């Protein structure tokens, strides 16, 4: 093996976005991409694509050694949540000077039971919770916590498998569904207190033990019992005092989980008793919240986490816009989707329009288990009125509509990688 660049090799576990790779190439690194099956569209962006069973940690390590020989990688990196523990493990075992996220911190964030346990021990506000192994334990936990409760998997993302339950029967159904076909990989399920209040997505960067909040977005969701992300708004509507309280909360929470020199995407709810931490994800946000954060903070989280993984300081922030809105594309009925194509608009306030189904393909309602989010519209501006005009113009151009399937059953392969935003 011969390096084609001066800085060394970075191993990337999974990847879909060109930006993930161009950041590394711009910094002078050779890129090796490992995945179950490396997508064809990623081939031009990397130096070496390797197909490997990424659930077999030993096989992944062997594939890396086969490519690099005795030369340690400069870093191991992933932007995919399920691969964070593997990334941290390989960083520790293969890199000469491990940097970025530790394996303990990755597991603390990936496993929601560990997250809540560590935060509780640190005296930080989280919902009441219990780890259960079967439906009987779940019902007992629900009665101990008090209805309504949330049933969710120990790991996973995007609100998959998360359900609000108001009775024993609903708890039994939700827990049995998780245990029979778990969306994650960890045994058991969580039963926790339902926090009835607004939800916020908080993005941070931590460097040299200094945590800075990059963005706080007010999150719009469907009504329970299921939770589908309908969109995000900036500004969040919180006061300066509230934002300061949130920043202090994050400055305590991340060290409690062992997250240092890394980024995070955290979900927080607030009820009459104050803020409560729902989830801490040791990664950038999904969907297009990275671009939204870049627009309002001047910080590109993809670039920031890449530099932190390499032991480099984050770049200086760029210019920022005062207003942004993210609207998920969802549907109320099943059928065939029709819409007009959208032509990209250049410029500093260029909107993002992304639809993950082609005209003529089937779609399902947002509250269907196989429905959810089919795309997103993100607009930027200097006022709420400018956001309104931009989104209205896009929707009028697209003319999204769903027509009936005339009694035919919904069939087909769903090609969407994500059915929720984050």
Protein backbone atom coordinates (compact mmCIF):
# COMPACT_ATOMS: atom_id res chain seq x y z
CA UNK A 1 0.00 0.00 0.00
CA UNK A 2 1.29 3.46 -0.92
CA UNK A 3 -0.25 6.68 0.34
CA UNK A 4 -1.51 8.95 -2.43
CA UNK A 5 -1.67 11.99 -0.13
CA UNK A 6 0.70 13.54 2.37
CA UNK A 7 -1.38 13.43 5.55
CA UNK A 8 -2.07 9.70 5.82
CA UNK A 9 -5.21 7.57 5.68
CA UNK A 10 -8.59 8.04 7.32
CA UNK A 11 -10.90 5.03 7.58
CA UNK A 12 -14.59 5.89 7.17
CA UNK A 13 -17.31 3.47 8.32
CA UNK A 14 -20.34 3.93 6.11
CA UNK A 15 -21.17 7.17 4.37
CA UNK A 16 -23.57 8.68 1.87
CA UNK A 17 -22.85 12.40 1.59
CA UNK A 18 -20.12 13.81 -0.66
CA UNK A 19 -19.30 16.42 2.00
CA UNK A 20 -18.18 13.68 4.41
CA UNK A 21 -15.39 12.77 1.98
CA UNK A 22 -14.47 16.11 0.45
CA UNK A 23 -13.60 17.49 3.90
CA UNK A 24 -11.02 14.71 4.27
CA UNK A 25 -9.66 15.11 0.75
CA UNK A 26 -9.34 18.87 1.20
CA UNK A 27 -7.30 18.23 4.36
CA UNK A 28 -4.96 15.99 2.35
CA UNK A 29 -6.03 12.54 3.52
CA UNK A 30 -6.37 9.28 1.66
CA UNK A 31 -9.85 7.83 2.29
CA UNK A 32 -10.74 4.17 2.81
CA UNK A 33 -14.50 3.50 2.97
CA UNK A 34 -15.87 0.31 4.53
CA UNK A 35 -19.51 -0.71 4.36
CA UNK A 36 -21.73 -3.76 3.93
CA UNK A 37 -21.87 -2.79 0.27
CA UNK A 38 -20.23 0.48 -0.71
CA UNK A 39 -22.77 2.50 -2.76
CA UNK A 40 -21.80 3.13 -6.34
CA UNK A 41 -22.28 6.87 -6.00
CA UNK A 42 -19.61 6.99 -3.27
CA UNK A 43 -16.92 5.34 -5.41
CA UNK A 44 -15.59 8.57 -7.00
CA UNK A 45 -15.17 10.20 -3.60
CA UNK A 46 -12.86 7.63 -1.97
CA UNK A 47 -9.50 6.04 -2.69
CA UNK A 48 -10.31 2.51 -1.55
CA UNK A 49 -13.84 1.06 -1.20
CA UNK A 50 -14.10 -2.17 0.82
CA UNK A 51 -17.18 -4.34 1.23
CA UNK A 52 -17.17 -6.01 4.65
CA UNK A 53 -19.63 -7.14 7.31
CA UNK A 54 -19.53 -4.07 9.55
CA UNK A 55 -21.29 -6.01 12.32
CA UNK A 56 -18.21 -8.26 12.52
CA UNK A 57 -15.74 -6.02 14.34
CA UNK A 58 -12.84 -8.44 13.90
CA UNK A 59 -13.45 -8.64 10.15
CA UNK A 60 -13.48 -4.84 9.89
CA UNK A 61 -10.19 -4.56 11.79
CA UNK A 62 -8.63 -7.23 9.56
CA UNK A 63 -9.78 -5.43 6.40
CA UNK A 64 -8.17 -2.22 7.62
CA UNK A 65 -4.89 -3.97 8.44
CA UNK A 66 -4.91 -5.65 5.02
CA UNK A 67 -5.04 -2.24 3.40
CA UNK A 68 -2.74 -0.29 5.73
CA UNK A 69 -0.29 -2.97 6.78
CA UNK A 70 1.63 -1.77 9.85
CA UNK A 71 0.77 1.88 9.27
CA UNK A 72 -1.88 3.12 11.73
CA UNK A 73 -4.74 5.18 10.33
CA UNK A 74 -4.73 8.89 11.08
CA UNK A 75 -8.31 8.45 12.28
CA UNK A 76 -11.36 6.22 12.10
CA UNK A 77 -14.55 8.18 11.48
CA UNK A 78 -18.26 7.63 10.99
CA UNK A 79 -21.27 9.90 10.70
CA UNK A 80 -23.64 6.93 11.17
CA UNK A 81 -24.97 6.39 14.69
CA UNK A 82 -24.97 2.55 14.74
CA UNK A 83 -21.25 2.55 13.85
CA UNK A 84 -20.13 4.96 16.59
CA UNK A 85 -19.14 2.23 19.11
CA UNK A 86 -17.17 0.40 16.39
CA UNK A 87 -15.52 3.66 15.32
CA UNK A 88 -14.45 4.40 18.89
CA UNK A 89 -13.21 0.82 19.42
CA UNK A 90 -11.11 0.87 16.23
CA UNK A 91 -9.76 4.32 17.08
CA UNK A 92 -8.57 3.00 20.43
CA UNK A 93 -7.10 -0.24 19.05
CA UNK A 94 -5.61 0.91 15.71
CA UNK A 95 -4.64 4.58 15.97
CA UNK A 96 -1.27 5.46 17.49
CA UNK A 97 -2.76 8.49 19.29
CA UNK A 98 -6.52 7.99 19.74
CA UNK A 99 -8.54 11.20 19.50
CA UNK A 100 -12.18 12.19 19.55
CA UNK A 101 -14.95 10.00 20.97
CA UNK A 102 -14.04 7.28 23.47
CA UNK A 103 -15.64 3.84 23.36
CA UNK A 104 -17.24 4.38 26.77
CA UNK A 105 -18.78 7.68 25.66
CA UNK A 106 -20.05 6.12 22.43
CA UNK A 107 -21.78 3.34 24.38
CA UNK A 108 -23.13 5.79 26.97
CA UNK A 109 -24.90 7.70 24.20
CA UNK A 110 -25.89 4.76 22.01
CA UNK A 111 -27.58 2.87 24.86
CA UNK A 112 -30.44 5.01 26.17
CA UNK A 113 -30.50 3.10 29.45
CA UNK A 114 -26.82 3.93 30.03
CA UNK A 115 -27.49 7.55 29.05
CA UNK A 116 -30.24 7.96 31.63
CA UNK A 117 -28.31 6.10 34.31
CA UNK A 118 -25.18 8.23 33.90
CA UNK A 119 -27.15 11.49 33.81
CA UNK A 120 -29.19 10.52 36.86
CA UNK A 121 -26.02 9.71 38.80
CA UNK A 122 -24.72 13.17 37.87
CA UNK A 123 -27.87 14.78 39.25
CA UNK A 124 -29.15 15.89 35.84
CA UNK A 125 -32.85 16.03 34.88
CA UNK A 126 -34.16 13.04 32.87
CA UNK A 127 -37.57 11.32 32.73
CA UNK A 128 -38.26 8.54 35.21
CA UNK A 129 -37.30 5.29 33.49
CA UNK A 130 -37.01 1.53 33.80
CA UNK A 131 -35.30 -1.15 31.71
CA UNK A 132 -37.65 -4.10 31.13
CA UNK A 133 -37.18 -7.58 29.67
CA UNK A 134 -40.81 -8.54 29.00
CA UNK A 135 -44.38 -7.26 28.95
CA UNK A 136 -45.06 -8.07 32.62
CA UNK A 137 -42.09 -6.01 33.75
CA UNK A 138 -43.17 -3.22 31.40
CA UNK A 139 -46.68 -3.04 32.85
CA UNK A 140 -45.30 -2.99 36.38
CA UNK A 141 -42.88 -0.21 35.43
CA UNK A 142 -45.66 1.80 33.80
CA UNK A 143 -47.76 1.63 36.97
CA UNK A 144 -44.76 2.66 39.04
CA UNK A 145 -44.04 5.66 36.80
CA UNK A 146 -47.67 6.56 36.06
CA UNK A 147 -49.54 6.79 32.76
CA UNK A 148 -49.02 7.96 30.11
CA UNK A 149 -45.60 6.42 29.50
CA UNK A 150 -43.21 6.13 26.59
CA UNK A 151 -42.03 2.73 25.35
CA UNK A 152 -38.87 2.80 23.25
CA UNK A 153 -35.90 0.64 22.21
CA UNK A 154 -32.60 0.90 24.06
CA UNK A 155 -30.84 2.03 20.89
CA UNK A 156 -31.90 3.25 17.48
CA UNK A 157 -32.66 6.71 16.11
CA UNK A 158 -35.33 8.74 14.35
CA UNK A 159 -38.11 7.79 16.85
CA UNK A 160 -38.39 4.27 15.39
CA UNK A 161 -40.33 2.02 17.75
CA UNK A 162 -41.16 4.90 20.12
CA UNK A 163 -44.77 4.98 21.28
CA UNK A 164 -46.80 6.74 23.96
CA UNK A 165 -49.01 4.33 25.88
CA UNK A 166 -52.00 5.11 28.07
CA UNK A 167 -53.03 1.61 29.19
CA UNK A 168 -51.70 -1.83 30.08
CA UNK A 169 -52.81 -3.18 26.71
CA UNK A 170 -50.93 -0.48 24.81
CA UNK A 171 -47.78 -1.08 26.86
CA UNK A 172 -47.97 -4.84 26.22
CA UNK A 173 -48.44 -4.31 22.48
CA UNK A 174 -45.61 -1.78 22.20
CA UNK A 175 -43.12 -3.81 24.24
CA UNK A 176 -43.92 -7.09 22.48
CA UNK A 177 -43.45 -5.37 19.09
CA UNK A 178 -40.01 -4.16 20.17
CA UNK A 179 -38.93 -7.50 21.62
CA UNK A 180 -40.17 -9.49 18.62
CA UNK A 181 -38.64 -7.27 15.93
CA UNK A 182 -36.24 -4.85 17.61
CA UNK A 183 -35.18 -1.83 15.52
CA UNK A 184 -31.91 -1.76 17.44
CA UNK A 185 -29.45 -4.38 18.61
CA UNK A 186 -29.69 -4.25 22.42
CA UNK A 187 -31.90 -6.51 24.48
CA UNK A 188 -34.79 -5.19 26.50
CA UNK A 189 -36.84 -2.03 26.17
CA UNK A 190 -37.24 1.23 28.06
CA UNK A 191 -40.41 2.40 29.77
CA UNK A 192 -40.21 6.02 30.79
CA UNK A 193 -42.19 9.02 31.92
CA UNK A 194 -43.92 11.01 29.19
CA UNK A 195 -42.82 14.64 29.28
CA UNK A 196 -45.74 16.68 27.95
CA UNK A 197 -44.17 19.83 26.59
CA UNK A 198 -42.27 21.38 23.68
CA UNK A 199 -39.21 19.61 22.31
CA UNK A 200 -35.93 21.18 21.25
CA UNK A 201 -33.01 19.89 19.19
CA UNK A 202 -29.70 21.17 20.58
CA UNK A 203 -26.46 20.92 18.57
CA UNK A 204 -23.12 21.38 20.32
CA UNK A 205 -19.39 21.20 19.76
CA UNK A 206 -16.91 20.39 22.54
CA UNK A 207 -13.20 21.16 22.23
CA UNK A 208 -10.62 21.20 25.04
CA UNK A 209 -13.40 20.65 27.61
CA UNK A 210 -15.27 23.74 26.35
CA UNK A 211 -18.81 23.01 25.13
CA UNK A 212 -20.52 25.53 22.88
CA UNK A 213 -24.14 25.38 21.73
CA UNK A 214 -24.30 25.89 17.97
CA UNK A 215 -28.05 25.78 17.47
CA UNK A 216 -31.30 25.27 19.35
CA UNK A 217 -34.28 24.39 17.15
CA UNK A 218 -37.91 24.20 18.22
CA UNK A 219 -39.10 20.81 16.99
CA UNK A 220 -42.54 20.20 15.48
CA UNK A 221 -43.93 16.67 15.87
CA UNK A 222 -47.08 14.72 15.11
CA UNK A 223 -49.47 14.17 17.98
CA UNK A 224 -48.89 10.96 20.00
CA UNK A 225 -49.02 7.99 20.14
CA UNK A 226 -46.30 7.91 17.44
CA UNK A 227 -43.72 10.64 16.90
CA UNK A 228 -42.83 11.83 13.41
CA UNK A 229 -40.68 14.93 12.96
CA UNK A 230 -42.63 17.55 11.02
CA UNK A 231 -39.97 20.25 11.14
CA UNK A 232 -37.75 22.65 13.07
CA UNK A 233 -37.68 26.40 13.61
CA UNK A 234 -34.95 28.93 14.35
CA UNK A 235 -35.18 31.03 16.44
CA UNK A 236 -36.58 28.53 18.90
CA UNK A 237 -38.79 30.97 20.81
CA UNK A 238 -36.79 30.49 24.02
CA UNK A 239 -35.65 33.54 26.00
CA UNK A 240 -31.98 34.41 26.46
CA UNK A 241 -32.27 33.15 30.04
CA UNK A 242 -33.69 29.82 28.84
CA UNK A 243 -30.94 29.47 26.23
CA UNK A 244 -28.33 30.13 28.90
CA UNK A 245 -29.89 27.44 31.08
CA UNK A 246 -29.79 24.99 28.17
CA UNK A 247 -26.13 25.74 27.54
CA UNK A 248 -25.27 25.13 31.19
CA UNK A 249 -27.23 21.86 31.06
CA UNK A 250 -25.22 20.66 28.08
CA UNK A 251 -21.96 21.73 29.71
CA UNK A 252 -22.79 19.35 32.58
CA UNK A 253 -24.41 16.52 30.61
CA UNK A 254 -21.67 15.84 28.05
CA UNK A 255 -18.84 15.38 30.59
CA UNK A 256 -21.15 13.09 32.61
CA UNK A 257 -21.36 10.85 29.52
CA UNK A 258 -17.65 11.15 28.74
CA UNK A 259 -18.15 13.16 25.54
CA UNK A 260 -15.09 15.33 24.93
CA UNK A 261 -13.65 16.78 21.73
CA UNK A 262 -16.73 15.83 19.74
CA UNK A 263 -20.12 17.04 18.54
CA UNK A 264 -23.58 16.15 19.80
CA UNK A 265 -27.23 16.30 18.80
CA UNK A 266 -29.45 16.31 21.91
CA UNK A 267 -33.22 16.19 22.29
CA UNK A 268 -34.65 18.06 25.26
CA UNK A 269 -38.24 18.58 26.39
CA UNK A 270 -39.61 21.13 28.83
CA UNK A 271 -42.68 20.87 31.01
CA UNK A 272 -43.81 22.81 34.08
CA UNK A 273 -40.83 21.43 36.04
CA UNK A 274 -38.23 22.62 33.55
CA UNK A 275 -35.93 21.06 30.94
CA UNK A 276 -35.46 17.29 30.81
CA UNK A 277 -32.86 15.50 28.67
CA UNK A 278 -34.52 12.92 26.42
CA UNK A 279 -31.60 11.71 24.28
CA UNK A 280 -27.95 12.59 23.73
CA UNK A 281 -26.56 11.50 20.36
CA UNK A 282 -22.79 11.63 19.91
CA UNK A 283 -23.04 12.65 16.27
CA UNK A 284 -24.15 15.44 14.03
CA UNK A 285 -27.94 15.63 13.44
CA UNK A 286 -29.60 13.84 10.57
CA UNK A 287 -31.71 15.06 7.69
CA UNK A 288 -30.55 18.54 6.74
CA UNK A 289 -30.12 19.94 10.25
CA UNK A 290 -26.38 20.12 9.58
CA UNK A 291 -26.94 22.66 6.80
CA UNK A 292 -29.48 24.49 8.95
CA UNK A 293 -26.96 24.68 11.80
CA UNK A 294 -24.27 25.90 9.41
CA UNK A 295 -26.60 28.63 8.14
CA UNK A 296 -27.44 30.04 11.57
CA UNK A 297 -24.11 29.45 13.38
CA UNK A 298 -21.48 29.56 10.64
CA UNK A 299 -20.15 26.17 11.82
CA UNK A 300 -20.18 23.11 9.54
CA UNK A 301 -20.64 20.16 11.93
CA UNK A 302 -19.43 17.66 9.31
CA UNK A 303 -16.14 19.54 9.02
CA UNK A 304 -15.99 20.15 12.77
CA UNK A 305 -16.31 16.48 13.80
CA UNK A 306 -13.83 15.45 11.10
CA UNK A 307 -11.24 17.87 12.46
CA UNK A 308 -11.89 16.72 16.04
CA UNK A 309 -11.40 13.08 15.03
CA UNK A 310 -8.01 14.09 13.60
CA UNK A 311 -7.02 16.09 16.68
CA UNK A 312 -7.34 19.40 14.83
CA UNK A 313 -9.04 22.51 16.24
CA UNK A 314 -12.39 23.44 14.70
CA UNK A 315 -12.34 26.01 11.92
CA UNK A 316 -13.39 29.58 12.63
CA UNK A 317 -17.15 30.18 12.17
CA UNK A 318 -18.37 31.76 8.94
CA UNK A 319 -21.24 34.15 8.34
CA UNK A 320 -24.66 33.35 9.80
CA UNK A 321 -28.32 34.05 8.97
CA UNK A 322 -30.89 34.97 11.64
CA UNK A 323 -33.85 32.82 10.49
CA UNK A 324 -34.27 29.27 9.19
CA UNK A 325 -37.11 26.75 8.88
CA UNK A 326 -37.05 23.02 8.17
CA UNK A 327 -40.28 21.36 6.98
CA UNK A 328 -40.56 17.61 6.52
CA UNK A 329 -42.44 16.28 3.51
CA UNK A 330 -45.13 13.94 4.81
CA UNK A 331 -48.51 12.73 3.59
CA UNK A 332 -51.89 12.26 5.26
CA UNK A 333 -53.13 9.47 2.98
CA UNK A 334 -51.74 6.49 1.09
CA UNK A 335 -51.50 6.59 -2.67
CA UNK A 336 -49.25 7.59 -5.54
CA UNK A 337 -47.29 10.81 -5.24
CA UNK A 338 -47.16 13.32 -8.09
CA UNK A 339 -45.16 16.53 -8.21
CA UNK A 340 -43.21 18.87 -10.49
CA UNK A 341 -39.44 18.88 -10.54
CA UNK A 342 -37.62 21.60 -8.62
CA UNK A 343 -34.74 23.53 -10.19
CA UNK A 344 -31.97 24.46 -7.69
CA UNK A 345 -31.71 28.17 -6.89
CA UNK A 346 -28.15 29.49 -6.38
CA UNK A 347 -27.22 32.11 -3.82
CA UNK A 348 -26.37 32.58 -0.12
CA UNK A 349 -29.98 31.91 0.91
CA UNK A 350 -30.49 28.99 -1.48
CA UNK A 351 -33.21 26.67 -0.14
CA UNK A 352 -32.78 22.91 0.17
CA UNK A 353 -35.48 20.85 -1.52
CA UNK A 354 -35.14 17.09 -1.18
CA UNK A 355 -37.79 14.50 -2.10
CA UNK A 356 -36.82 10.87 -1.60
CA UNK A 357 -39.52 9.32 -3.79
CA UNK A 358 -39.94 9.80 -7.52
CA UNK A 359 -43.22 10.91 -9.14
CA UNK A 360 -45.44 7.88 -9.60
CA UNK A 361 -44.09 5.99 -6.57
CA UNK A 362 -46.33 4.88 -3.66
CA UNK A 363 -46.37 6.68 -0.33
CA UNK A 364 -47.98 6.01 3.04
CA UNK A 365 -49.39 8.33 5.72
CA UNK A 366 -47.01 9.91 8.18
CA UNK A 367 -48.43 7.91 11.11
CA UNK A 368 -48.11 4.54 9.30
CA UNK A 369 -45.23 2.33 10.58
CA UNK A 370 -43.75 2.32 7.07
CA UNK A 371 -44.64 5.93 6.32
CA UNK A 372 -43.01 8.94 7.93
CA UNK A 373 -40.81 11.50 6.24
CA UNK A 374 -40.37 11.45 2.46
CA UNK A 375 -38.17 14.52 2.11
CA UNK A 376 -37.63 18.03 3.39
CA UNK A 377 -37.73 21.72 2.51
CA UNK A 378 -35.29 24.04 4.29
CA UNK A 379 -35.48 27.80 3.80
CA UNK A 380 -33.29 30.62 5.10
CA UNK A 381 -33.76 34.36 5.42
CA UNK A 382 -33.65 37.60 7.35
CA UNK A 383 -37.25 37.50 8.63
CA UNK A 384 -40.12 35.08 9.25
CA UNK A 385 -41.97 36.69 6.34
CA UNK A 386 -39.10 35.86 3.99
CA UNK A 387 -39.26 32.22 5.15
CA UNK A 388 -43.02 32.15 4.50
CA UNK A 389 -42.60 33.48 0.98
CA UNK A 390 -39.77 31.09 0.15
CA UNK A 391 -41.57 27.98 1.38
CA UNK A 392 -44.85 28.97 -0.24
CA UNK A 393 -43.13 29.50 -3.58
CA UNK A 394 -41.44 26.08 -3.39
CA UNK A 395 -44.66 24.26 -2.51
CA UNK A 396 -46.56 26.02 -5.29
CA UNK A 397 -43.87 25.01 -7.78
CA UNK A 398 -43.77 21.40 -6.60
CA UNK A 399 -47.57 21.06 -6.47
CA UNK A 400 -47.24 17.90 -4.34
CA UNK A 401 -50.32 15.67 -4.43
CA UNK A 402 -51.29 12.09 -3.66
CA UNK A 403 -53.75 10.27 -5.91
CA UNK A 404 -55.59 7.09 -4.97
CA UNK A 405 -54.41 3.61 -5.88
CA UNK A 406 -57.94 2.59 -6.97
CA UNK A 407 -58.20 -0.29 -4.53
CA UNK A 408 -54.75 -1.73 -5.22
CA UNK A 409 -52.67 -2.73 -2.24
CA UNK A 410 -49.52 -0.73 -1.50
CA UNK A 411 -46.52 -2.64 -2.85
CA UNK A 412 -42.93 -1.85 -3.73
CA UNK A 413 -39.52 -1.46 -2.22
CA UNK A 414 -38.96 1.62 -0.08
CA UNK A 415 -35.59 3.05 -1.10
CA UNK A 416 -35.44 5.74 1.58
CA UNK A 417 -32.48 5.38 3.88
CA UNK A 418 -34.24 7.29 6.66
CA UNK A 419 -37.95 7.58 7.41
CA UNK A 420 -37.43 10.33 9.91
CA UNK A 421 -35.16 13.34 10.05
CA UNK A 422 -32.79 12.80 12.89
